[in-house]
């Protein structure tokens, strides 16, 4: 249920800071009480979204890890052919997946620990065209067995886009940013659909647990 109305909305606004609350104040036409109610709801729906985001990330990551094991073996983080397949942009060239893997594996002794420590973007970047021949054209159907039959590269591209949307949403959630202008129902369904490409029981389980739908219905 929504929180009770704050006792002193102005004091709460000041504690949160004018820059942080300004978006909410502007969205409700300057009414501080309504702005704080919207701020609280934004925080609650952000917390609710973390659950499906968690499962979507883990399911996609594990699917990719399974494919890597099929192609490069159970010690794939230490396989030179796999390491060599990863891009390694120079300084200023953006995220470097090869460097990320080398740094993580140097501190870990098992594949499972490497999987857990690699950044989300590492897994997303696997779903690019450079990996189609070795990874996705032969193996994406096994990794996502419930995906509609069709072009493997198109499915891989769709999953990349889903992960990009998830990454951007997660960043906003992590930084406590406003998300009330987003189509959050679409965000939720996109995560559930991604999970469902690999496991219908898991998607149904997450759908049964999620609080996003109920929280959306309580928007002030």
C-alpha atoms as a PDB file:
ATOM      1  CA  UNK A   1       0.000   0.000   0.000  1.00  0.00           C
ATOM      2  CA  UNK A   2       1.178   3.583  -0.574  1.00  0.00           C
ATOM      3  CA  UNK A   3       2.943   5.249   2.332  1.00  0.00           C
ATOM      4  CA  UNK A   4       0.971   7.669   4.477  1.00  0.00           C
ATOM      5  CA  UNK A   5       1.190  11.352   3.566  1.00  0.00           C
ATOM      6  CA  UNK A   6       4.429  12.870   4.940  1.00  0.00           C
ATOM      7  CA  UNK A   7       4.059  15.049   8.025  1.00  0.00           C
ATOM      8  CA  UNK A   8       6.244  17.827   6.614  1.00  0.00           C
ATOM      9  CA  UNK A   9       6.588  17.638   2.827  1.00  0.00           C
ATOM     10  CA  UNK A  10       8.808  20.705   2.624  1.00  0.00           C
ATOM     11  CA  UNK A  11      11.259  19.265   5.149  1.00  0.00           C
ATOM     12  CA  UNK A  12      11.411  15.974   3.265  1.00  0.00           C
ATOM     13  CA  UNK A  13      11.942  17.810  -0.019  1.00  0.00           C
ATOM     14  CA  UNK A  14      14.800  19.769   1.544  1.00  0.00           C
ATOM     15  CA  UNK A  15      16.370  16.609   2.978  1.00  0.00           C
ATOM     16  CA  UNK A  16      16.287  14.971  -0.443  1.00  0.00           C
ATOM     17  CA  UNK A  17      17.538  18.216  -2.060  1.00  0.00           C
ATOM     18  CA  UNK A  18      15.888  20.590  -4.489  1.00  0.00           C
ATOM     19  CA  UNK A  19      17.858  19.310  -7.513  1.00  0.00           C
ATOM     20  CA  UNK A  20      16.825  15.699  -6.821  1.00  0.00           C
ATOM     21  CA  UNK A  21      13.157  16.493  -6.245  1.00  0.00           C
ATOM     22  CA  UNK A  22      12.829  19.190  -8.900  1.00  0.00           C
ATOM     23  CA  UNK A  23      11.741  16.775 -11.624  1.00  0.00           C
ATOM     24  CA  UNK A  24       8.875  15.576  -9.454  1.00  0.00           C
ATOM     25  CA  UNK A  25       7.828  19.069  -8.392  1.00  0.00           C
ATOM     26  CA  UNK A  26       7.738  20.162 -12.034  1.00  0.00           C
ATOM     27  CA  UNK A  27       5.790  17.044 -13.055  1.00  0.00           C
ATOM     28  CA  UNK A  28       2.923  17.867 -10.684  1.00  0.00           C
ATOM     29  CA  UNK A  29       2.813  21.594 -11.334  1.00  0.00           C
ATOM     30  CA  UNK A  30       4.685  22.734  -8.248  1.00  0.00           C
ATOM     31  CA  UNK A  31       2.661  20.974  -5.539  1.00  0.00           C
ATOM     32  CA  UNK A  32       5.195  19.790  -2.954  1.00  0.00           C
ATOM     33  CA  UNK A  33       2.882  17.260  -1.306  1.00  0.00           C
ATOM     34  CA  UNK A  34       2.009  15.585  -4.603  1.00  0.00           C
ATOM     35  CA  UNK A  35       5.650  15.703  -5.655  1.00  0.00           C
ATOM     36  CA  UNK A  36       6.755  13.819  -2.541  1.00  0.00           C
ATOM     37  CA  UNK A  37       3.995  11.273  -3.088  1.00  0.00           C
ATOM     38  CA  UNK A  38       5.226  10.744  -6.649  1.00  0.00           C
ATOM     39  CA  UNK A  39       8.825  10.532  -5.426  1.00  0.00           C
ATOM     40  CA  UNK A  40       7.877   7.824  -2.936  1.00  0.00           C
ATOM     41  CA  UNK A  41       5.980   5.882  -5.573  1.00  0.00           C
ATOM     42  CA  UNK A  42       8.928   6.153  -7.971  1.00  0.00           C
ATOM     43  CA  UNK A  43      11.161   4.663  -5.279  1.00  0.00           C
ATOM     44  CA  UNK A  44       8.724   1.811  -4.630  1.00  0.00           C
ATOM     45  CA  UNK A  45       8.291   0.864  -8.272  1.00  0.00           C
ATOM     46  CA  UNK A  46      12.070   1.070  -8.742  1.00  0.00           C
ATOM     47  CA  UNK A  47      12.533  -1.431  -5.928  1.00  0.00           C
ATOM     48  CA  UNK A  48       9.858  -3.683  -7.427  1.00  0.00           C
ATOM     49  CA  UNK A  49      11.576  -3.691 -10.820  1.00  0.00           C
ATOM     50  CA  UNK A  50      14.800  -5.003  -9.341  1.00  0.00           C
ATOM     51  CA  UNK A  51      13.301  -8.483  -8.935  1.00  0.00           C
ATOM     52  CA  UNK A  52      12.460  -9.177 -12.602  1.00  0.00           C
ATOM     53  CA  UNK A  53      15.645  -7.361 -13.637  1.00  0.00           C
ATOM     54  CA  UNK A  54      17.669  -9.723 -11.461  1.00  0.00           C
ATOM     55  CA  UNK A  55      16.160 -12.825 -13.024  1.00  0.00           C
ATOM     56  CA  UNK A  56      16.372 -11.526 -16.596  1.00  0.00           C
ATOM     57  CA  UNK A  57      20.055 -10.755 -16.142  1.00  0.00           C
ATOM     58  CA  UNK A  58      20.897 -14.096 -14.529  1.00  0.00           C
ATOM     59  CA  UNK A  59      18.956 -16.146 -17.087  1.00  0.00           C
ATOM     60  CA  UNK A  60      20.543 -14.360 -20.065  1.00  0.00           C
ATOM     61  CA  UNK A  61      24.000 -14.588 -18.499  1.00  0.00           C
ATOM     62  CA  UNK A  62      23.643 -18.307 -17.825  1.00  0.00           C
ATOM     63  CA  UNK A  63      22.410 -18.927 -21.364  1.00  0.00           C
ATOM     64  CA  UNK A  64      25.500 -17.230 -22.759  1.00  0.00           C
ATOM     65  CA  UNK A  65      27.769 -19.101 -20.343  1.00  0.00           C
ATOM     66  CA  UNK A  66      26.258 -22.414 -21.449  1.00  0.00           C
ATOM     67  CA  UNK A  67      27.033 -21.587 -25.072  1.00  0.00           C
ATOM     68  CA  UNK A  68      30.597 -20.614 -24.182  1.00  0.00           C
ATOM     69  CA  UNK A  69      31.050 -23.964 -22.454  1.00  0.00           C
ATOM     70  CA  UNK A  70      29.676 -25.799 -25.504  1.00  0.00           C
ATOM     71  CA  UNK A  71      32.143 -24.037 -27.792  1.00  0.00           C
ATOM     72  CA  UNK A  72      35.229 -23.512 -25.633  1.00  0.00           C
ATOM     73  CA  UNK A  73      34.853 -26.049 -22.824  1.00  0.00           C
ATOM     74  CA  UNK A  74      34.231 -25.713 -19.090  1.00  0.00           C
ATOM     75  CA  UNK A  75      37.365 -23.594 -18.602  1.00  0.00           C
ATOM     76  CA  UNK A  76      36.356 -21.103 -21.276  1.00  0.00           C
ATOM     77  CA  UNK A  77      37.611 -18.043 -19.369  1.00  0.00           C
ATOM     78  CA  UNK A  78      41.138 -19.430 -19.808  1.00  0.00           C
ATOM     79  CA  UNK A  79      40.715 -20.516 -23.431  1.00  0.00           C
ATOM     80  CA  UNK A  80      43.043 -18.492 -25.646  1.00  0.00           C
ATOM     81  CA  UNK A  81      40.782 -18.786 -28.693  1.00  0.00           C
ATOM     82  CA  UNK A  82      37.878 -17.276 -26.782  1.00  0.00           C
ATOM     83  CA  UNK A  83      40.008 -14.535 -25.274  1.00  0.00           C
ATOM     84  CA  UNK A  84      41.302 -13.716 -28.739  1.00  0.00           C
ATOM     85  CA  UNK A  85      37.754 -13.473 -30.094  1.00  0.00           C
ATOM     86  CA  UNK A  86      36.936 -10.610 -27.740  1.00  0.00           C
ATOM     87  CA  UNK A  87      37.454  -7.013 -28.835  1.00  0.00           C
ATOM     88  CA  UNK A  88      40.128  -5.047 -27.038  1.00  0.00           C
ATOM     89  CA  UNK A  89      39.759  -1.350 -27.817  1.00  0.00           C
ATOM     90  CA  UNK A  90      42.584   0.930 -26.800  1.00  0.00           C
ATOM     91  CA  UNK A  91      42.508   3.677 -24.226  1.00  0.00           C
ATOM     92  CA  UNK A  92      39.506   5.900 -24.782  1.00  0.00           C
ATOM     93  CA  UNK A  93      37.824   3.291 -26.958  1.00  0.00           C
ATOM     94  CA  UNK A  94      35.106   2.383 -24.493  1.00  0.00           C
ATOM     95  CA  UNK A  95      34.430  -0.848 -22.663  1.00  0.00           C
ATOM     96  CA  UNK A  96      37.102  -3.509 -23.163  1.00  0.00           C
ATOM     97  CA  UNK A  97      35.647  -7.023 -22.719  1.00  0.00           C
ATOM     98  CA  UNK A  98      38.995  -8.764 -23.158  1.00  0.00           C
ATOM     99  CA  UNK A  99      40.570  -6.693 -20.400  1.00  0.00           C
ATOM    100  CA  UNK A 100      37.526  -7.242 -18.197  1.00  0.00           C
ATOM    101  CA  UNK A 101      37.804 -11.024 -18.583  1.00  0.00           C
ATOM    102  CA  UNK A 102      41.570 -11.053 -17.997  1.00  0.00           C
ATOM    103  CA  UNK A 103      41.222  -8.927 -14.870  1.00  0.00           C
ATOM    104  CA  UNK A 104      38.415 -11.044 -13.442  1.00  0.00           C
ATOM    105  CA  UNK A 105      39.965 -14.434 -14.169  1.00  0.00           C
ATOM    106  CA  UNK A 106      43.273 -13.358 -12.605  1.00  0.00           C
ATOM    107  CA  UNK A 107      41.489 -13.028  -9.265  1.00  0.00           C
ATOM    108  CA  UNK A 108      39.272 -16.122  -9.532  1.00  0.00           C
ATOM    109  CA  UNK A 109      40.009 -19.835  -9.691  1.00  0.00           C
ATOM    110  CA  UNK A 110      36.757 -21.255 -11.057  1.00  0.00           C
ATOM    111  CA  UNK A 111      34.538 -20.572 -14.031  1.00  0.00           C
ATOM    112  CA  UNK A 112      31.538 -20.080 -11.761  1.00  0.00           C
ATOM    113  CA  UNK A 113      33.259 -17.291  -9.871  1.00  0.00           C
ATOM    114  CA  UNK A 114      34.317 -15.635 -13.116  1.00  0.00           C
ATOM    115  CA  UNK A 115      30.716 -15.748 -14.347  1.00  0.00           C
ATOM    116  CA  UNK A 116      29.504 -14.087 -11.166  1.00  0.00           C
ATOM    117  CA  UNK A 117      32.121 -11.317 -11.271  1.00  0.00           C
ATOM    118  CA  UNK A 118      31.989 -10.286 -14.936  1.00  0.00           C
ATOM    119  CA  UNK A 119      30.119  -7.075 -15.578  1.00  0.00           C
ATOM    120  CA  UNK A 120      26.647  -7.077 -17.102  1.00  0.00           C
ATOM    121  CA  UNK A 121      27.964  -5.341 -20.211  1.00  0.00           C
ATOM    122  CA  UNK A 122      30.377  -8.228 -20.836  1.00  0.00           C
ATOM    123  CA  UNK A 123      27.444 -10.567 -21.362  1.00  0.00           C
ATOM    124  CA  UNK A 124      25.528  -8.058 -23.442  1.00  0.00           C
ATOM    125  CA  UNK A 125      28.515  -7.568 -25.753  1.00  0.00           C
ATOM    126  CA  UNK A 126      28.573 -11.293 -26.482  1.00  0.00           C
ATOM    127  CA  UNK A 127      25.262 -10.813 -28.303  1.00  0.00           C
ATOM    128  CA  UNK A 128      26.855  -8.943 -31.207  1.00  0.00           C
ATOM    129  CA  UNK A 129      27.402  -9.988 -34.790  1.00  0.00           C
ATOM    130  CA  UNK A 130      31.108 -10.682 -34.315  1.00  0.00           C
ATOM    131  CA  UNK A 131      30.148 -13.823 -32.354  1.00  0.00           C
ATOM    132  CA  UNK A 132      27.473 -15.104 -34.741  1.00  0.00           C
ATOM    133  CA  UNK A 133      29.574 -17.724 -36.521  1.00  0.00           C
ATOM    134  CA  UNK A 134      31.076 -19.373 -33.444  1.00  0.00           C
ATOM    135  CA  UNK A 135      28.343 -18.854 -30.869  1.00  0.00           C
ATOM    136  CA  UNK A 136      24.912 -17.855 -32.041  1.00  0.00           C
ATOM    137  CA  UNK A 137      24.232 -19.323 -35.450  1.00  0.00           C
ATOM    138  CA  UNK A 138      24.991 -22.859 -34.214  1.00  0.00           C
ATOM    139  CA  UNK A 139      23.787 -22.594 -30.616  1.00  0.00           C
ATOM    140  CA  UNK A 140      21.222 -19.868 -29.985  1.00  0.00           C
ATOM    141  CA  UNK A 141      18.295 -22.255 -30.485  1.00  0.00           C
ATOM    142  CA  UNK A 142      19.611 -24.508 -27.712  1.00  0.00           C
ATOM    143  CA  UNK A 143      20.290 -21.562 -25.421  1.00  0.00           C
ATOM    144  CA  UNK A 144      16.814 -20.084 -25.933  1.00  0.00           C
ATOM    145  CA  UNK A 145      14.692 -23.100 -26.877  1.00  0.00           C
ATOM    146  CA  UNK A 146      11.347 -21.334 -26.521  1.00  0.00           C
ATOM    147  CA  UNK A 147      12.159 -18.526 -28.952  1.00  0.00           C
ATOM    148  CA  UNK A 148      10.039 -18.477 -32.116  1.00  0.00           C
ATOM    149  CA  UNK A 149      11.627 -20.306 -35.017  1.00  0.00           C
ATOM    150  CA  UNK A 150      13.401 -17.939 -37.344  1.00  0.00           C
ATOM    151  CA  UNK A 151      16.667 -16.240 -38.159  1.00  0.00           C
ATOM    152  CA  UNK A 152      19.332 -16.813 -35.510  1.00  0.00           C
ATOM    153  CA  UNK A 153      21.034 -13.476 -36.123  1.00  0.00           C
ATOM    154  CA  UNK A 154      17.723 -11.642 -35.753  1.00  0.00           C
ATOM    155  CA  UNK A 155      17.046 -13.388 -32.444  1.00  0.00           C
ATOM    156  CA  UNK A 156      20.534 -12.569 -31.235  1.00  0.00           C
ATOM    157  CA  UNK A 157      19.954  -8.930 -32.192  1.00  0.00           C
ATOM    158  CA  UNK A 158      16.649  -8.888 -30.358  1.00  0.00           C
ATOM    159  CA  UNK A 159      18.290 -10.248 -27.213  1.00  0.00           C
ATOM    160  CA  UNK A 160      21.039  -7.635 -27.480  1.00  0.00           C
ATOM    161  CA  UNK A 161      18.382  -4.913 -27.662  1.00  0.00           C
ATOM    162  CA  UNK A 162      16.537  -6.410 -24.681  1.00  0.00           C
ATOM    163  CA  UNK A 163      19.752  -6.422 -22.675  1.00  0.00           C
ATOM    164  CA  UNK A 164      20.500  -2.832 -23.687  1.00  0.00           C
ATOM    165  CA  UNK A 165      17.063  -1.754 -22.481  1.00  0.00           C
ATOM    166  CA  UNK A 166      17.634  -3.676 -19.258  1.00  0.00           C
ATOM    167  CA  UNK A 167      21.090  -2.161 -18.788  1.00  0.00           C
ATOM    168  CA  UNK A 168      19.769   1.371 -19.183  1.00  0.00           C
ATOM    169  CA  UNK A 169      16.902   0.689 -16.790  1.00  0.00           C
ATOM    170  CA  UNK A 170      19.226  -0.879 -14.214  1.00  0.00           C
ATOM    171  CA  UNK A 171      21.472   2.152 -14.355  1.00  0.00           C
ATOM    172  CA  UNK A 172      18.547   4.436 -13.615  1.00  0.00           C
ATOM    173  CA  UNK A 173      17.417   2.205 -10.770  1.00  0.00           C
ATOM    174  CA  UNK A 174      20.918   2.054  -9.304  1.00  0.00           C
ATOM    175  CA  UNK A 175      21.243   5.841  -9.341  1.00  0.00           C
ATOM    176  CA  UNK A 176      17.752   6.414  -7.880  1.00  0.00           C
ATOM    177  CA  UNK A 177      16.704   8.388 -10.937  1.00  0.00           C
ATOM    178  CA  UNK A 178      13.142   9.219 -12.023  1.00  0.00           C
ATOM    179  CA  UNK A 179      11.530   6.460 -14.077  1.00  0.00           C
ATOM    180  CA  UNK A 180       7.900   7.557 -13.794  1.00  0.00           C
ATOM    181  CA  UNK A 181       7.787   8.807 -17.391  1.00  0.00           C
ATOM    182  CA  UNK A 182       8.805   5.398 -18.796  1.00  0.00           C
ATOM    183  CA  UNK A 183       6.376   2.760 -19.995  1.00  0.00           C
ATOM    184  CA  UNK A 184       7.139   0.483 -17.065  1.00  0.00           C
ATOM    185  CA  UNK A 185       4.638  -2.157 -18.149  1.00  0.00           C
ATOM    186  CA  UNK A 186       6.664  -2.557 -21.328  1.00  0.00           C
ATOM    187  CA  UNK A 187       9.873  -2.768 -19.288  1.00  0.00           C
ATOM    188  CA  UNK A 188       8.378  -5.527 -17.150  1.00  0.00           C
ATOM    189  CA  UNK A 189       7.015  -7.487 -20.097  1.00  0.00           C
ATOM    190  CA  UNK A 190      10.301  -7.224 -21.954  1.00  0.00           C
ATOM    191  CA  UNK A 191      12.129  -8.783 -19.020  1.00  0.00           C
ATOM    192  CA  UNK A 192       9.548 -11.532 -18.604  1.00  0.00           C
ATOM    193  CA  UNK A 193       9.618 -12.281 -22.327  1.00  0.00           C
ATOM    194  CA  UNK A 194      13.412 -12.543 -22.267  1.00  0.00           C
ATOM    195  CA  UNK A 195      13.255 -15.011 -19.388  1.00  0.00           C
ATOM    196  CA  UNK A 196      10.544 -16.929 -21.225  1.00  0.00           C
ATOM    197  CA  UNK A 197      12.760 -17.465 -24.264  1.00  0.00           C
ATOM    198  CA  UNK A 198      14.804 -19.823 -22.101  1.00  0.00           C
ATOM    199  CA  UNK A 199      12.439 -21.118 -19.425  1.00  0.00           C
ATOM    200  CA  UNK A 200       8.661 -20.842 -19.307  1.00  0.00           C
ATOM    201  CA  UNK A 201       8.497 -22.121 -15.703  1.00  0.00           C
ATOM    202  CA  UNK A 202      10.953 -19.454 -14.587  1.00  0.00           C
ATOM    203  CA  UNK A 203       9.042 -16.710 -16.383  1.00  0.00           C
ATOM    204  CA  UNK A 204       5.802 -17.873 -14.754  1.00  0.00           C
ATOM    205  CA  UNK A 205       7.483 -17.985 -11.340  1.00  0.00           C
ATOM    206  CA  UNK A 206       8.840 -14.454 -11.683  1.00  0.00           C
ATOM    207  CA  UNK A 207       5.473 -13.204 -12.918  1.00  0.00           C
ATOM    208  CA  UNK A 208       3.820 -14.712  -9.839  1.00  0.00           C
ATOM    209  CA  UNK A 209       6.313 -12.990  -7.529  1.00  0.00           C
ATOM    210  CA  UNK A 210       6.646  -9.563  -9.103  1.00  0.00           C
ATOM    211  CA  UNK A 211       5.116  -6.508  -7.419  1.00  0.00           C
ATOM    212  CA  UNK A 212       5.544  -4.150 -10.355  1.00  0.00           C
ATOM    213  CA  UNK A 213       2.014  -4.634 -11.677  1.00  0.00           C
ATOM    214  CA  UNK A 214       0.393  -3.904  -8.313  1.00  0.00           C
ATOM    215  CA  UNK A 215       2.635  -0.893  -7.721  1.00  0.00           C
ATOM    216  CA  UNK A 216       1.820   0.542 -11.146  1.00  0.00           C
ATOM    217  CA  UNK A 217      -1.862   0.417 -10.212  1.00  0.00           C
ATOM    218  CA  UNK A 218      -1.121   2.564  -7.143  1.00  0.00           C
ATOM    219  CA  UNK A 219       0.549   5.402  -9.030  1.00  0.00           C
ATOM    220  CA  UNK A 220      -0.527   8.739  -7.514  1.00  0.00           C
END
